[in-house]
C-alpha atoms as a PDB file:
ATOM      1  CA  MET A   1     -20.412   1.243 -33.394  1.00  0.00           C
ATOM      2  CA  LYS A   2     -16.787   0.195 -33.039  1.00  0.00           C
ATOM      3  CA  VAL A   3     -14.062   2.586 -31.913  1.00  0.00           C
ATOM      4  CA  THR A   4     -10.605   1.578 -33.080  1.00  0.00           C
ATOM      5  CA  SER A   5      -8.564   4.574 -31.939  1.00  0.00           C
ATOM      6  CA  ASP A   6      -8.874   7.203 -29.256  1.00  0.00           C
ATOM      7  CA  ASN A   7      -6.844   9.716 -31.317  1.00  0.00           C
ATOM      8  CA  GLY A   8      -4.835  10.596 -28.219  1.00  0.00           C
ATOM      9  CA  PHE A   9      -7.869  11.424 -26.129  1.00  0.00           C
ATOM     10  CA  SER A  10      -7.707   9.121 -23.174  1.00  0.00           C
ATOM     11  CA  PRO A  11      -8.015   9.669 -19.435  1.00  0.00           C
ATOM     12  CA  LEU A  12      -4.666   7.892 -19.082  1.00  0.00           C
ATOM     13  CA  ALA A  13      -2.895   9.883 -21.811  1.00  0.00           C
ATOM     14  CA  PRO A  14      -1.275  12.366 -19.370  1.00  0.00           C
ATOM     15  CA  LEU A  15       0.091   9.444 -17.352  1.00  0.00           C
ATOM     16  CA  ARG A  16       1.811   7.885 -20.333  1.00  0.00           C
ATOM     17  CA  ASN A  17       4.713  10.294 -20.260  1.00  0.00           C
ATOM     18  CA  THR A  18       7.684   8.197 -21.310  1.00  0.00           C
ATOM     19  CA  ARG A  19      10.322  10.892 -20.876  1.00  0.00           C
ATOM     20  CA  PRO A  20      13.201   9.903 -18.630  1.00  0.00           C
ATOM     21  CA  SER A  21      13.774  11.995 -15.522  1.00  0.00           C
ATOM     22  CA  GLN A  22      15.333  15.351 -16.281  1.00  0.00           C
ATOM     23  CA  THR A  23      19.022  15.655 -15.629  1.00  0.00           C
ATOM     24  CA  THR A  24      21.248  18.687 -15.688  1.00  0.00           C
ATOM     25  CA  GLN A  25      24.978  18.872 -16.212  1.00  0.00           C
ATOM     26  CA  VAL A  26      26.828  21.007 -13.683  1.00  0.00           C
ATOM     27  CA  GLY A  27      30.561  20.954 -14.268  1.00  0.00           C
ATOM     28  CA  ASP A  28      31.651  17.310 -14.172  1.00  0.00           C
ATOM     29  CA  VAL A  29      28.662  16.238 -12.056  1.00  0.00           C
ATOM     30  CA  GLU A  30      25.315  15.160 -13.491  1.00  0.00           C
ATOM     31  CA  LYS A  31      22.341  15.916 -11.261  1.00  0.00           C
ATOM     32  CA  ALA A  32      19.032  14.053 -11.507  1.00  0.00           C
ATOM     33  CA  ASP A  33      15.599  14.492  -9.961  1.00  0.00           C
ATOM     34  CA  LYS A  34      15.448  13.035  -6.465  1.00  0.00           C
ATOM     35  CA  VAL A  35      12.590  12.112  -4.136  1.00  0.00           C
ATOM     36  CA  GLU A  36      13.035  11.784  -0.381  1.00  0.00           C
ATOM     37  CA  PHE A  37      10.457  10.529   2.091  1.00  0.00           C
ATOM     38  CA  SER A  38       9.994  11.723   5.626  1.00  0.00           C
ATOM     39  CA  ALA A  39      11.364   9.855   8.624  1.00  0.00           C
ATOM     40  CA  VAL A  40       7.841   8.660   9.430  1.00  0.00           C
ATOM     41  CA  LEU A  41       7.561   6.889   6.103  1.00  0.00           C
ATOM     42  CA  GLN A  42      11.067   5.482   6.464  1.00  0.00           C
ATOM     43  CA  GLY A  43       9.995   3.915   9.773  1.00  0.00           C
ATOM     44  CA  ILE A  44       7.072   2.178   8.098  1.00  0.00           C
ATOM     45  CA  ARG A  45       9.451   0.235   5.877  1.00  0.00           C
ATOM     46  CA  GLN A  46      11.316  -1.117   8.904  1.00  0.00           C
ATOM     47  CA  PRO A  47       9.936  -4.368  10.353  1.00  0.00           C
ATOM     48  CA  GLN A  48       8.396  -4.027  13.776  1.00  0.00           C
ATOM     49  CA  THR A  49      10.380  -6.766  15.502  1.00  0.00           C
ATOM     50  CA  THR A  50       8.907  -6.459  19.010  1.00  0.00           C
ATOM     51  CA  GLU A  51       5.331  -6.477  17.819  1.00  0.00           C
ATOM     52  CA  SER A  52       5.833  -8.813  14.876  1.00  0.00           C
ATOM     53  CA  SER A  53       6.833 -11.842  16.958  1.00  0.00           C
ATOM     54  CA  SER A  54       3.798 -11.623  19.239  1.00  0.00           C
ATOM     55  CA  ARG A  55       1.573 -10.797  16.285  1.00  0.00           C
ATOM     56  CA  SER A  56       2.891 -13.714  14.244  1.00  0.00           C
ATOM     57  CA  GLU A  57       2.254 -16.041  17.190  1.00  0.00           C
ATOM     58  CA  LYS A  58      -1.320 -14.765  17.418  1.00  0.00           C
ATOM     59  CA  VAL A  59      -1.810 -15.157  13.658  1.00  0.00           C
ATOM     60  CA  GLU A  60      -0.502 -18.720  13.748  1.00  0.00           C
ATOM     61  CA  SER A  61      -2.808 -19.518  16.672  1.00  0.00           C
ATOM     62  CA  LEU A  62      -5.796 -18.091  14.784  1.00  0.00           C
ATOM     63  CA  LYS A  63      -4.857 -20.051  11.646  1.00  0.00           C
ATOM     64  CA  ALA A  64      -4.748 -23.264  13.683  1.00  0.00           C
ATOM     65  CA  ASP A  65      -8.123 -22.506  15.307  1.00  0.00           C
ATOM     66  CA  ILE A  66      -9.685 -21.786  11.908  1.00  0.00           C
ATOM     67  CA  ALA A  67      -8.229 -24.970  10.411  1.00  0.00           C
ATOM     68  CA  ASP A  68      -9.544 -27.030  13.348  1.00  0.00           C
ATOM     69  CA  GLY A  69     -12.969 -25.386  13.203  1.00  0.00           C
ATOM     70  CA  ASN A  70     -12.535 -23.914  16.681  1.00  0.00           C
ATOM     71  CA  TYR A  71     -12.653 -20.243  15.692  1.00  0.00           C
ATOM     72  CA  HIS A  72     -15.988 -18.646  16.572  1.00  0.00           C
ATOM     73  CA  PRO A  73     -15.749 -14.842  16.574  1.00  0.00           C
ATOM     74  CA  ASP A  74     -18.316 -12.695  18.385  1.00  0.00           C
ATOM     75  CA  LEU A  75     -20.342 -11.567  15.369  1.00  0.00           C
ATOM     76  CA  LYS A  76     -21.909  -8.676  17.277  1.00  0.00           C
ATOM     77  CA  GLN A  77     -18.440  -7.318  18.090  1.00  0.00           C
ATOM     78  CA  VAL A  78     -17.359  -7.787  14.464  1.00  0.00           C
ATOM     79  CA  ALA A  79     -20.390  -5.798  13.283  1.00  0.00           C
ATOM     80  CA  VAL A  80     -19.710  -3.035  15.828  1.00  0.00           C
ATOM     81  CA  SER A  81     -16.089  -2.824  14.696  1.00  0.00           C
ATOM     82  CA  PHE A  82     -17.123  -2.601  11.027  1.00  0.00           C
ATOM     83  CA  LEU A  83     -19.626   0.145  11.773  1.00  0.00           C
ATOM     84  CA  LYS A  84     -17.101   2.135  13.809  1.00  0.00           C
ATOM     85  CA  ALA A  85     -14.542   1.839  11.017  1.00  0.00           C
ATOM     86  CA  PHE A  86     -17.138   2.827   8.414  1.00  0.00           C
ATOM     87  CA  ILE A  87     -18.340   5.868  10.360  1.00  0.00           C
ATOM     88  CA  THR A  88     -14.925   7.176  11.352  1.00  0.00           C
ATOM     89  CA  GLY A  89     -13.414   6.497   7.942  1.00  0.00           C
END
């Protein structure tokens, strides 16, 4: 059996709303919908300069060790970390 059309019945149909954001005219000013994020989320977008330099150095060191074949992680510790992350979510 071949289905050629979903006749508008699709799990993604409600997401396919192509209307532009609603605007209202108030006097000479046009207002549009607006979304603002909390200060916590704004901070996430900012680069962490103090941590990023030390982290980037560590990452570069690990990349070099992996490339040279000198990286040998403690597999027991890796497994423990995975299990902790899996259990705690």
